[in-house]
Amino acid sequence: EELFGEKPEVKAIHAGLECGIFYEKIP
């Protein structure tokens, strides 16, 4: 909001992402 003057689109998605790998390694 500070940089672009608008709210970002925040959503949960159904996908295989690297975040899951990191999340598994660092509970």
mmCIF file of all heavy atoms, coordinates in Angstrom:
data_MODEL
# 
_entry.id   MODEL 
# 
loop_
_atom_site.group_PDB 
_atom_site.id 
_atom_site.type_symbol 
_atom_site.label_atom_id 
_atom_site.label_alt_id 
_atom_site.label_comp_id 
_atom_site.label_asym_id 
_atom_site.label_entity_id 
_atom_site.label_seq_id 
_atom_site.pdbx_PDB_ins_code 
_atom_site.Cartn_x 
_atom_site.Cartn_y 
_atom_site.Cartn_z 
_atom_site.occupancy 
_atom_site.B_iso_or_equiv 
_atom_site.pdbx_formal_charge 
_atom_site.auth_seq_id 
_atom_site.auth_comp_id 
_atom_site.auth_asym_id 
_atom_site.auth_atom_id 
_atom_site.pdbx_PDB_model_num 
ATOM 1   N N   . GLU A 1 1  ? 0.835  -1.210  0.000  1.00 0.00 ? 1  GLU A N   1 
ATOM 2   C CA  . GLU A 1 1  ? 0.000  0.000   0.000  1.00 0.00 ? 1  GLU A CA  1 
ATOM 3   C C   . GLU A 1 1  ? 0.868  1.258   0.000  1.00 0.00 ? 1  GLU A C   1 
ATOM 4   O O   . GLU A 1 1  ? 0.576  2.224   -0.707 1.00 0.00 ? 1  GLU A O   1 
ATOM 5   C CB  . GLU A 1 1  ? -0.943 -0.013  1.197  1.00 0.00 ? 1  GLU A CB  1 
ATOM 6   C CG  . GLU A 1 1  ? -2.031 -1.063  1.086  1.00 0.00 ? 1  GLU A CG  1 
ATOM 7   C CD  . GLU A 1 1  ? -2.908 -1.180  2.331  1.00 0.00 ? 1  GLU A CD  1 
ATOM 8   O OE1 . GLU A 1 1  ? -2.708 -0.407  3.298  1.00 0.00 ? 1  GLU A OE1 1 
ATOM 9   O OE2 . GLU A 1 1  ? -3.790 -2.055  2.339  1.00 0.00 ? 1  GLU A OE2 1 
ATOM 10  N N   . GLU A 1 2  ? 1.954  1.222   0.768  1.00 0.00 ? 2  GLU A N   1 
ATOM 11  C CA  . GLU A 1 2  ? 2.884  2.350   0.839  1.00 0.00 ? 2  GLU A CA  1 
ATOM 12  C C   . GLU A 1 2  ? 3.543  2.617   -0.524 1.00 0.00 ? 2  GLU A C   1 
ATOM 13  O O   . GLU A 1 2  ? 3.634  3.765   -0.965 1.00 0.00 ? 2  GLU A O   1 
ATOM 14  C CB  . GLU A 1 2  ? 3.949  2.043   1.895  1.00 0.00 ? 2  GLU A CB  1 
ATOM 15  C CG  . GLU A 1 2  ? 5.070  3.044   2.015  1.00 0.00 ? 2  GLU A CG  1 
ATOM 16  C CD  . GLU A 1 2  ? 6.192  2.553   2.942  1.00 0.00 ? 2  GLU A CD  1 
ATOM 17  O OE1 . GLU A 1 2  ? 5.969  1.626   3.755  1.00 0.00 ? 2  GLU A OE1 1 
ATOM 18  O OE2 . GLU A 1 2  ? 7.301  3.102   2.831  1.00 0.00 ? 2  GLU A OE2 1 
ATOM 19  N N   . LEU A 1 3  ? 3.984  1.575   -1.190 1.00 0.00 ? 3  LEU A N   1 
ATOM 20  C CA  . LEU A 1 3  ? 4.695  1.730   -2.462 1.00 0.00 ? 3  LEU A CA  1 
ATOM 21  C C   . LEU A 1 3  ? 3.783  2.026   -3.651 1.00 0.00 ? 3  LEU A C   1 
ATOM 22  O O   . LEU A 1 3  ? 4.125  2.834   -4.509 1.00 0.00 ? 3  LEU A O   1 
ATOM 23  C CB  . LEU A 1 3  ? 5.492  0.467   -2.786 1.00 0.00 ? 3  LEU A CB  1 
ATOM 24  C CG  . LEU A 1 3  ? 6.857  0.294   -2.167 1.00 0.00 ? 3  LEU A CG  1 
ATOM 25  C CD1 . LEU A 1 3  ? 7.467  -1.028  -2.608 1.00 0.00 ? 3  LEU A CD1 1 
ATOM 26  C CD2 . LEU A 1 3  ? 7.781  1.437   -2.526 1.00 0.00 ? 3  LEU A CD2 1 
ATOM 27  N N   . PHE A 1 4  ? 2.638  1.353   -3.694 1.00 0.00 ? 4  PHE A N   1 
ATOM 28  C CA  . PHE A 1 4  ? 1.817  1.395   -4.899 1.00 0.00 ? 4  PHE A CA  1 
ATOM 29  C C   . PHE A 1 4  ? 0.479  2.121   -4.737 1.00 0.00 ? 4  PHE A C   1 
ATOM 30  O O   . PHE A 1 4  ? -0.265 2.262   -5.708 1.00 0.00 ? 4  PHE A O   1 
ATOM 31  C CB  . PHE A 1 4  ? 1.597  -0.022  -5.437 1.00 0.00 ? 4  PHE A CB  1 
ATOM 32  C CG  . PHE A 1 4  ? 2.882  -0.777  -5.657 1.00 0.00 ? 4  PHE A CG  1 
ATOM 33  C CD1 . PHE A 1 4  ? 3.171  -1.925  -4.937 1.00 0.00 ? 4  PHE A CD1 1 
ATOM 34  C CD2 . PHE A 1 4  ? 3.829  -0.325  -6.574 1.00 0.00 ? 4  PHE A CD2 1 
ATOM 35  C CE1 . PHE A 1 4  ? 4.360  -2.619  -5.133 1.00 0.00 ? 4  PHE A CE1 1 
ATOM 36  C CE2 . PHE A 1 4  ? 5.019  -1.004  -6.782 1.00 0.00 ? 4  PHE A CE2 1 
ATOM 37  C CZ  . PHE A 1 4  ? 5.291  -2.146  -6.051 1.00 0.00 ? 4  PHE A CZ  1 
ATOM 38  N N   . GLY A 1 5  ? 0.160  2.551   -3.505 1.00 0.00 ? 5  GLY A N   1 
ATOM 39  C CA  . GLY A 1 5  ? -1.048 3.340   -3.281 1.00 0.00 ? 5  GLY A CA  1 
ATOM 40  C C   . GLY A 1 5  ? -2.354 2.580   -3.436 1.00 0.00 ? 5  GLY A C   1 
ATOM 41  O O   . GLY A 1 5  ? -3.409 3.193   -3.637 1.00 0.00 ? 5  GLY A O   1 
ATOM 42  N N   . GLU A 1 6  ? -2.303 1.266   -3.358 1.00 0.00 ? 6  GLU A N   1 
ATOM 43  C CA  . GLU A 1 6  ? -3.527 0.457   -3.424 1.00 0.00 ? 6  GLU A CA  1 
ATOM 44  C C   . GLU A 1 6  ? -3.336 -0.821  -2.632 1.00 0.00 ? 6  GLU A C   1 
ATOM 45  O O   . GLU A 1 6  ? -2.203 -1.208  -2.329 1.00 0.00 ? 6  GLU A O   1 
ATOM 46  C CB  . GLU A 1 6  ? -3.888 0.129   -4.869 1.00 0.00 ? 6  GLU A CB  1 
ATOM 47  C CG  . GLU A 1 6  ? -2.833 -0.687  -5.598 1.00 0.00 ? 6  GLU A CG  1 
ATOM 48  C CD  . GLU A 1 6  ? -3.165 -0.906  -7.070 1.00 0.00 ? 6  GLU A CD  1 
ATOM 49  O OE1 . GLU A 1 6  ? -3.947 -0.119  -7.644 1.00 0.00 ? 6  GLU A OE1 1 
ATOM 50  O OE2 . GLU A 1 6  ? -2.646 -1.857  -7.645 1.00 0.00 ? 6  GLU A OE2 1 
ATOM 51  N N   . LYS A 1 7  ? -4.445 -1.465  -2.302 1.00 0.00 ? 7  LYS A N   1 
ATOM 52  C CA  . LYS A 1 7  ? -4.371 -2.721  -1.552 1.00 0.00 ? 7  LYS A CA  1 
ATOM 53  C C   . LYS A 1 7  ? -3.979 -3.853  -2.501 1.00 0.00 ? 7  LYS A C   1 
ATOM 54  O O   . LYS A 1 7  ? -4.457 -3.915  -3.624 1.00 0.00 ? 7  LYS A O   1 
ATOM 55  C CB  . LYS A 1 7  ? -5.723 -3.038  -0.917 1.00 0.00 ? 7  LYS A CB  1 
ATOM 56  C CG  . LYS A 1 7  ? -6.096 -2.107  0.220  1.00 0.00 ? 7  LYS A CG  1 
ATOM 57  C CD  . LYS A 1 7  ? -7.319 -2.634  0.936  1.00 0.00 ? 7  LYS A CD  1 
ATOM 58  C CE  . LYS A 1 7  ? -7.680 -1.751  2.106  1.00 0.00 ? 7  LYS A CE  1 
ATOM 59  N NZ  . LYS A 1 7  ? -6.748 -1.823  3.199  1.00 0.00 ? 7  LYS A NZ  1 
ATOM 60  N N   . PRO A 1 8  ? -3.104 -4.750  -2.037 1.00 0.00 ? 8  PRO A N   1 
ATOM 61  C CA  . PRO A 1 8  ? -2.753 -5.900  -2.885 1.00 0.00 ? 8  PRO A CA  1 
ATOM 62  C C   . PRO A 1 8  ? -3.868 -6.941  -2.858 1.00 0.00 ? 8  PRO A C   1 
ATOM 63  O O   . PRO A 1 8  ? -4.697 -6.947  -1.950 1.00 0.00 ? 8  PRO A O   1 
ATOM 64  C CB  . PRO A 1 8  ? -1.492 -6.447  -2.219 1.00 0.00 ? 8  PRO A CB  1 
ATOM 65  C CG  . PRO A 1 8  ? -1.684 -6.129  -0.771 1.00 0.00 ? 8  PRO A CG  1 
ATOM 66  C CD  . PRO A 1 8  ? -2.385 -4.781  -0.767 1.00 0.00 ? 8  PRO A CD  1 
ATOM 67  N N   . GLU A 1 9  ? -3.868 -7.807  -3.832 1.00 0.00 ? 9  GLU A N   1 
ATOM 68  C CA  . GLU A 1 9  ? -4.782 -8.944  -3.824 1.00 0.00 ? 9  GLU A CA  1 
ATOM 69  C C   . GLU A 1 9  ? -4.126 -10.021 -2.970 1.00 0.00 ? 9  GLU A C   1 
ATOM 70  O O   . GLU A 1 9  ? -3.060 -10.524 -3.314 1.00 0.00 ? 9  GLU A O   1 
ATOM 71  C CB  . GLU A 1 9  ? -5.005 -9.450  -5.243 1.00 0.00 ? 9  GLU A CB  1 
ATOM 72  C CG  . GLU A 1 9  ? -5.956 -10.603 -5.315 1.00 0.00 ? 9  GLU A CG  1 
ATOM 73  C CD  . GLU A 1 9  ? -6.181 -11.118 -6.729 1.00 0.00 ? 9  GLU A CD  1 
ATOM 74  O OE1 . GLU A 1 9  ? -5.653 -10.526 -7.689 1.00 0.00 ? 9  GLU A OE1 1 
ATOM 75  O OE2 . GLU A 1 9  ? -6.881 -12.127 -6.862 1.00 0.00 ? 9  GLU A OE2 1 
ATOM 76  N N   . VAL A 1 10 ? -4.745 -10.343 -1.852 1.00 0.00 ? 10 VAL A N   1 
ATOM 77  C CA  . VAL A 1 10 ? -4.223 -11.361 -0.939 1.00 0.00 ? 10 VAL A CA  1 
ATOM 78  C C   . VAL A 1 10 ? -5.170 -12.549 -1.004 1.00 0.00 ? 10 VAL A C   1 
ATOM 79  O O   . VAL A 1 10 ? -6.367 -12.402 -0.759 1.00 0.00 ? 10 VAL A O   1 
ATOM 80  C CB  . VAL A 1 10 ? -4.133 -10.841 0.509  1.00 0.00 ? 10 VAL A CB  1 
ATOM 81  C CG1 . VAL A 1 10 ? -3.670 -11.934 1.454  1.00 0.00 ? 10 VAL A CG1 1 
ATOM 82  C CG2 . VAL A 1 10 ? -3.211 -9.635  0.587  1.00 0.00 ? 10 VAL A CG2 1 
ATOM 83  N N   . LYS A 1 11 ? -4.622 -13.697 -1.363 1.00 0.00 ? 11 LYS A N   1 
ATOM 84  C CA  . LYS A 1 11 ? -5.476 -14.880 -1.444 1.00 0.00 ? 11 LYS A CA  1 
ATOM 85  C C   . LYS A 1 11 ? -4.663 -16.136 -1.209 1.00 0.00 ? 11 LYS A C   1 
ATOM 86  O O   . LYS A 1 11 ? -3.449 -16.157 -1.405 1.00 0.00 ? 11 LYS A O   1 
ATOM 87  C CB  . LYS A 1 11 ? -6.188 -14.948 -2.786 1.00 0.00 ? 11 LYS A CB  1 
ATOM 88  C CG  . LYS A 1 11 ? -5.271 -15.064 -3.990 1.00 0.00 ? 11 LYS A CG  1 
ATOM 89  C CD  . LYS A 1 11 ? -6.090 -15.077 -5.274 1.00 0.00 ? 11 LYS A CD  1 
ATOM 90  C CE  . LYS A 1 11 ? -5.194 -15.210 -6.482 1.00 0.00 ? 11 LYS A CE  1 
ATOM 91  N NZ  . LYS A 1 11 ? -5.964 -15.259 -7.721 1.00 0.00 ? 11 LYS A NZ  1 
ATOM 92  N N   . ALA A 1 12 ? -5.352 -17.160 -0.777 1.00 0.00 ? 12 ALA A N   1 
ATOM 93  C CA  . ALA A 1 12 ? -4.749 -18.481 -0.654 1.00 0.00 ? 12 ALA A CA  1 
ATOM 94  C C   . ALA A 1 12 ? -5.030 -19.202 -1.957 1.00 0.00 ? 12 ALA A C   1 
ATOM 95  O O   . ALA A 1 12 ? -6.101 -19.054 -2.547 1.00 0.00 ? 12 ALA A O   1 
ATOM 96  C CB  . ALA A 1 12 ? -5.370 -19.231 0.517  1.00 0.00 ? 12 ALA A CB  1 
ATOM 97  N N   . ILE A 1 13 ? -4.055 -19.968 -2.431 1.00 0.00 ? 13 ILE A N   1 
ATOM 98  C CA  . ILE A 1 13 ? -4.233 -20.712 -3.677 1.00 0.00 ? 13 ILE A CA  1 
ATOM 99  C C   . ILE A 1 13 ? -3.905 -22.181 -3.455 1.00 0.00 ? 13 ILE A C   1 
ATOM 100 O O   . ILE A 1 13 ? -3.226 -22.542 -2.492 1.00 0.00 ? 13 ILE A O   1 
ATOM 101 C CB  . ILE A 1 13 ? -3.362 -20.147 -4.823 1.00 0.00 ? 13 ILE A CB  1 
ATOM 102 C CG1 . ILE A 1 13 ? -1.876 -20.253 -4.492 1.00 0.00 ? 13 ILE A CG1 1 
ATOM 103 C CG2 . ILE A 1 13 ? -3.764 -18.721 -5.148 1.00 0.00 ? 13 ILE A CG2 1 
ATOM 104 C CD1 . ILE A 1 13 ? -0.962 -19.965 -5.656 1.00 0.00 ? 13 ILE A CD1 1 
ATOM 105 N N   . HIS A 1 14 ? -4.365 -22.997 -4.367 1.00 0.00 ? 14 HIS A N   1 
ATOM 106 C CA  . HIS A 1 14 ? -4.116 -24.430 -4.309 1.00 0.00 ? 14 HIS A CA  1 
ATOM 107 C C   . HIS A 1 14 ? -3.023 -24.741 -5.321 1.00 0.00 ? 14 HIS A C   1 
ATOM 108 O O   . HIS A 1 14 ? -3.280 -24.831 -6.515 1.00 0.00 ? 14 HIS A O   1 
ATOM 109 C CB  . HIS A 1 14 ? -5.403 -25.176 -4.657 1.00 0.00 ? 14 HIS A CB  1 
ATOM 110 C CG  . HIS A 1 14 ? -5.257 -26.661 -4.598 1.00 0.00 ? 14 HIS A CG  1 
ATOM 111 N ND1 . HIS A 1 14 ? -5.029 -27.333 -3.417 1.00 0.00 ? 14 HIS A ND1 1 
ATOM 112 C CD2 . HIS A 1 14 ? -5.291 -27.599 -5.558 1.00 0.00 ? 14 HIS A CD2 1 
ATOM 113 C CE1 . HIS A 1 14 ? -4.938 -28.620 -3.663 1.00 0.00 ? 14 HIS A CE1 1 
ATOM 114 N NE2 . HIS A 1 14 ? -5.094 -28.806 -4.958 1.00 0.00 ? 14 HIS A NE2 1 
ATOM 115 N N   . ALA A 1 15 ? -1.802 -24.824 -4.848 1.00 0.00 ? 15 ALA A N   1 
ATOM 116 C CA  . ALA A 1 15 ? -0.679 -25.075 -5.747 1.00 0.00 ? 15 ALA A CA  1 
ATOM 117 C C   . ALA A 1 15 ? 0.469  -25.688 -4.959 1.00 0.00 ? 15 ALA A C   1 
ATOM 118 O O   . ALA A 1 15 ? 0.532  -25.566 -3.739 1.00 0.00 ? 15 ALA A O   1 
ATOM 119 C CB  . ALA A 1 15 ? -0.222 -23.766 -6.391 1.00 0.00 ? 15 ALA A CB  1 
ATOM 120 N N   . GLY A 1 16 ? 1.367  -26.327 -5.657 1.00 0.00 ? 16 GLY A N   1 
ATOM 121 C CA  . GLY A 1 16 ? 2.586  -26.822 -5.033 1.00 0.00 ? 16 GLY A CA  1 
ATOM 122 C C   . GLY A 1 16 ? 3.640  -25.732 -5.132 1.00 0.00 ? 16 GLY A C   1 
ATOM 123 O O   . GLY A 1 16 ? 4.099  -25.422 -6.218 1.00 0.00 ? 16 GLY A O   1 
ATOM 124 N N   . LEU A 1 17 ? 3.964  -25.133 -4.006 1.00 0.00 ? 17 LEU A N   1 
ATOM 125 C CA  . LEU A 1 17 ? 4.934  -24.037 -4.005 1.00 0.00 ? 17 LEU A CA  1 
ATOM 126 C C   . LEU A 1 17 ? 6.125  -24.384 -3.118 1.00 0.00 ? 17 LEU A C   1 
ATOM 127 O O   . LEU A 1 17 ? 6.013  -25.183 -2.197 1.00 0.00 ? 17 LEU A O   1 
ATOM 128 C CB  . LEU A 1 17 ? 4.288  -22.745 -3.499 1.00 0.00 ? 17 LEU A CB  1 
ATOM 129 C CG  . LEU A 1 17 ? 3.153  -22.168 -4.339 1.00 0.00 ? 17 LEU A CG  1 
ATOM 130 C CD1 . LEU A 1 17 ? 2.524  -20.981 -3.630 1.00 0.00 ? 17 LEU A CD1 1 
ATOM 131 C CD2 . LEU A 1 17 ? 3.659  -21.754 -5.701 1.00 0.00 ? 17 LEU A CD2 1 
ATOM 132 N N   . GLU A 1 18 ? 7.224  -23.711 -3.377 1.00 0.00 ? 18 GLU A N   1 
ATOM 133 C CA  . GLU A 1 18 ? 8.430  -23.923 -2.581 1.00 0.00 ? 18 GLU A CA  1 
ATOM 134 C C   . GLU A 1 18 ? 8.194  -23.573 -1.116 1.00 0.00 ? 18 GLU A C   1 
ATOM 135 O O   . GLU A 1 18 ? 8.868  -24.094 -0.232 1.00 0.00 ? 18 GLU A O   1 
ATOM 136 C CB  . GLU A 1 18 ? 9.580  -23.097 -3.148 1.00 0.00 ? 18 GLU A CB  1 
ATOM 137 C CG  . GLU A 1 18 ? 10.086 -23.598 -4.486 1.00 0.00 ? 18 GLU A CG  1 
ATOM 138 C CD  . GLU A 1 18 ? 9.182  -23.264 -5.674 1.00 0.00 ? 18 GLU A CD  1 
ATOM 139 O OE1 . GLU A 1 18 ? 8.206  -22.498 -5.520 1.00 0.00 ? 18 GLU A OE1 1 
ATOM 140 O OE2 . GLU A 1 18 ? 9.449  -23.782 -6.767 1.00 0.00 ? 18 GLU A OE2 1 
ATOM 141 N N   . CYS A 1 19 ? 7.229  -22.702 -0.842 1.00 0.00 ? 19 CYS A N   1 
ATOM 142 C CA  . CYS A 1 19 ? 6.927  -22.344 0.555  1.00 0.00 ? 19 CYS A CA  1 
ATOM 143 C C   . CYS A 1 19 ? 6.611  -23.589 1.378  1.00 0.00 ? 19 CYS A C   1 
ATOM 144 O O   . CYS A 1 19 ? 6.953  -23.657 2.559  1.00 0.00 ? 19 CYS A O   1 
ATOM 145 C CB  . CYS A 1 19 ? 5.756  -21.371 0.616  1.00 0.00 ? 19 CYS A CB  1 
ATOM 146 S SG  . CYS A 1 19 ? 6.142  -19.737 -0.037 1.00 0.00 ? 19 CYS A SG  1 
ATOM 147 N N   . GLY A 1 20 ? 5.955  -24.574 0.776  1.00 0.00 ? 20 GLY A N   1 
ATOM 148 C CA  . GLY A 1 20 ? 5.654  -25.815 1.484  1.00 0.00 ? 20 GLY A CA  1 
ATOM 149 C C   . GLY A 1 20 ? 6.910  -26.559 1.893  1.00 0.00 ? 20 GLY A C   1 
ATOM 150 O O   . GLY A 1 20 ? 6.980  -27.152 2.967  1.00 0.00 ? 20 GLY A O   1 
ATOM 151 N N   . ILE A 1 21 ? 7.922  -26.532 1.042  1.00 0.00 ? 21 ILE A N   1 
ATOM 152 C CA  . ILE A 1 21 ? 9.202  -27.187 1.354  1.00 0.00 ? 21 ILE A CA  1 
ATOM 153 C C   . ILE A 1 21 ? 9.870  -26.479 2.528  1.00 0.00 ? 21 ILE A C   1 
ATOM 154 O O   . ILE A 1 21 ? 10.335 -27.105 3.474  1.00 0.00 ? 21 ILE A O   1 
ATOM 155 C CB  . ILE A 1 21 ? 10.111 -27.210 0.110  1.00 0.00 ? 21 ILE A CB  1 
ATOM 156 C CG1 . ILE A 1 21 ? 9.462  -28.056 -0.993 1.00 0.00 ? 21 ILE A CG1 1 
ATOM 157 C CG2 . ILE A 1 21 ? 11.497 -27.737 0.465  1.00 0.00 ? 21 ILE A CG2 1 
ATOM 158 C CD1 . ILE A 1 21 ? 10.109 -27.929 -2.351 1.00 0.00 ? 21 ILE A CD1 1 
ATOM 159 N N   . PHE A 1 22 ? 9.907  -25.141 2.489  1.00 0.00 ? 22 PHE A N   1 
ATOM 160 C CA  . PHE A 1 22 ? 10.496 -24.377 3.592  1.00 0.00 ? 22 PHE A CA  1 
ATOM 161 C C   . PHE A 1 22 ? 9.700  -24.576 4.876  1.00 0.00 ? 22 PHE A C   1 
ATOM 162 O O   . PHE A 1 22 ? 10.260 -24.744 5.962  1.00 0.00 ? 22 PHE A O   1 
ATOM 163 C CB  . PHE A 1 22 ? 10.555 -22.882 3.257  1.00 0.00 ? 22 PHE A CB  1 
ATOM 164 C CG  . PHE A 1 22 ? 11.417 -22.557 2.069  1.00 0.00 ? 22 PHE A CG  1 
ATOM 165 C CD1 . PHE A 1 22 ? 10.988 -21.656 1.119  1.00 0.00 ? 22 PHE A CD1 1 
ATOM 166 C CD2 . PHE A 1 22 ? 12.661 -23.138 1.899  1.00 0.00 ? 22 PHE A CD2 1 
ATOM 167 C CE1 . PHE A 1 22 ? 11.782 -21.342 0.020  1.00 0.00 ? 22 PHE A CE1 1 
ATOM 168 C CE2 . PHE A 1 22 ? 13.462 -22.839 0.798  1.00 0.00 ? 22 PHE A CE2 1 
ATOM 169 C CZ  . PHE A 1 22 ? 13.015 -21.930 -0.137 1.00 0.00 ? 22 PHE A CZ  1 
ATOM 170 N N   . TYR A 1 23 ? 8.366  -24.559 4.757  1.00 0.00 ? 23 TYR A N   1 
ATOM 171 C CA  . TYR A 1 23 ? 7.477  -24.708 5.913  1.00 0.00 ? 23 TYR A CA  1 
ATOM 172 C C   . TYR A 1 23 ? 7.683  -26.060 6.591  1.00 0.00 ? 23 TYR A C   1 
ATOM 173 O O   . TYR A 1 23 ? 7.655  -26.162 7.811  1.00 0.00 ? 23 TYR A O   1 
ATOM 174 C CB  . TYR A 1 23 ? 6.023  -24.546 5.454  1.00 0.00 ? 23 TYR A CB  1 
ATOM 175 C CG  . TYR A 1 23 ? 5.010  -24.511 6.562  1.00 0.00 ? 23 TYR A CG  1 
ATOM 176 C CD1 . TYR A 1 23 ? 4.759  -23.341 7.270  1.00 0.00 ? 23 TYR A CD1 1 
ATOM 177 C CD2 . TYR A 1 23 ? 4.280  -25.651 6.905  1.00 0.00 ? 23 TYR A CD2 1 
ATOM 178 C CE1 . TYR A 1 23 ? 3.820  -23.303 8.286  1.00 0.00 ? 23 TYR A CE1 1 
ATOM 179 C CE2 . TYR A 1 23 ? 3.346  -25.616 7.919  1.00 0.00 ? 23 TYR A CE2 1 
ATOM 180 C CZ  . TYR A 1 23 ? 3.118  -24.455 8.608  1.00 0.00 ? 23 TYR A CZ  1 
ATOM 181 O OH  . TYR A 1 23 ? 2.180  -24.426 9.617  1.00 0.00 ? 23 TYR A OH  1 
ATOM 182 N N   . GLU A 1 24 ? 7.903  -27.095 5.789  1.00 0.00 ? 24 GLU A N   1 
ATOM 183 C CA  . GLU A 1 24 ? 8.141  -28.433 6.336  1.00 0.00 ? 24 GLU A CA  1 
ATOM 184 C C   . GLU A 1 24 ? 9.466  -28.488 7.097  1.00 0.00 ? 24 GLU A C   1 
ATOM 185 O O   . GLU A 1 24 ? 9.585  -29.133 8.128  1.00 0.00 ? 24 GLU A O   1 
ATOM 186 C CB  . GLU A 1 24 ? 8.137  -29.464 5.214  1.00 0.00 ? 24 GLU A CB  1 
ATOM 187 C CG  . GLU A 1 24 ? 8.342  -30.892 5.710  1.00 0.00 ? 24 GLU A CG  1 
ATOM 188 C CD  . GLU A 1 24 ? 8.343  -31.888 4.579  1.00 0.00 ? 24 GLU A CD  1 
ATOM 189 O OE1 . GLU A 1 24 ? 9.237  -31.806 3.703  1.00 0.00 ? 24 GLU A OE1 1 
ATOM 190 O OE2 . GLU A 1 24 ? 7.452  -32.750 4.581  1.00 0.00 ? 24 GLU A OE2 1 
ATOM 191 N N   . LYS A 1 25 ? 10.484 -27.794 6.587  1.00 0.00 ? 25 LYS A N   1 
ATOM 192 C CA  . LYS A 1 25 ? 11.815 -27.810 7.203  1.00 0.00 ? 25 LYS A CA  1 
ATOM 193 C C   . LYS A 1 25 ? 11.899 -26.924 8.445  1.00 0.00 ? 25 LYS A C   1 
ATOM 194 O O   . LYS A 1 25 ? 12.714 -27.155 9.325  1.00 0.00 ? 25 LYS A O   1 
ATOM 195 C CB  . LYS A 1 25 ? 12.883 -27.355 6.198  1.00 0.00 ? 25 LYS A CB  1 
ATOM 196 C CG  . LYS A 1 25 ? 12.942 -28.176 4.936  1.00 0.00 ? 25 LYS A CG  1 
ATOM 197 C CD  . LYS A 1 25 ? 13.544 -29.521 5.185  1.00 0.00 ? 25 LYS A CD  1 
ATOM 198 C CE  . LYS A 1 25 ? 13.657 -30.284 3.870  1.00 0.00 ? 25 LYS A CE  1 
ATOM 199 N NZ  . LYS A 1 25 ? 13.883 -31.695 4.063  1.00 0.00 ? 25 LYS A NZ  1 
ATOM 200 N N   . ILE A 1 26 ? 11.067 -25.866 8.481  1.00 0.00 ? 26 ILE A N   1 
ATOM 201 C CA  . ILE A 1 26 ? 11.085 -24.916 9.595  1.00 0.00 ? 26 ILE A CA  1 
ATOM 202 C C   . ILE A 1 26 ? 9.655  -24.794 10.128 1.00 0.00 ? 26 ILE A C   1 
ATOM 203 O O   . ILE A 1 26 ? 8.907  -23.879 9.739  1.00 0.00 ? 26 ILE A O   1 
ATOM 204 C CB  . ILE A 1 26 ? 11.614 -23.533 9.150  1.00 0.00 ? 26 ILE A CB  1 
ATOM 205 C CG1 . ILE A 1 26 ? 12.944 -23.671 8.416  1.00 0.00 ? 26 ILE A CG1 1 
ATOM 206 C CG2 . ILE A 1 26 ? 11.733 -22.589 10.342 1.00 0.00 ? 26 ILE A CG2 1 
ATOM 207 C CD1 . ILE A 1 26 ? 13.398 -22.409 7.705  1.00 0.00 ? 26 ILE A CD1 1 
ATOM 208 N N   . PRO A 1 27 ? 9.214  -25.711 10.994 1.00 0.00 ? 27 PRO A N   1 
ATOM 209 C CA  . PRO A 1 27 ? 7.830  -25.701 11.481 1.00 0.00 ? 27 PRO A CA  1 
ATOM 210 C C   . PRO A 1 27 ? 7.446  -24.336 12.078 1.00 0.00 ? 27 PRO A C   1 
ATOM 211 O O   . PRO A 1 27 ? 8.226  -23.706 12.780 1.00 0.00 ? 27 PRO A O   1 
ATOM 212 C CB  . PRO A 1 27 ? 7.826  -26.790 12.556 1.00 0.00 ? 27 PRO A CB  1 
ATOM 213 C CG  . PRO A 1 27 ? 8.941  -27.704 12.164 1.00 0.00 ? 27 PRO A CG  1 
ATOM 214 C CD  . PRO A 1 27 ? 9.993  -26.805 11.563 1.00 0.00 ? 27 PRO A CD  1 
# 
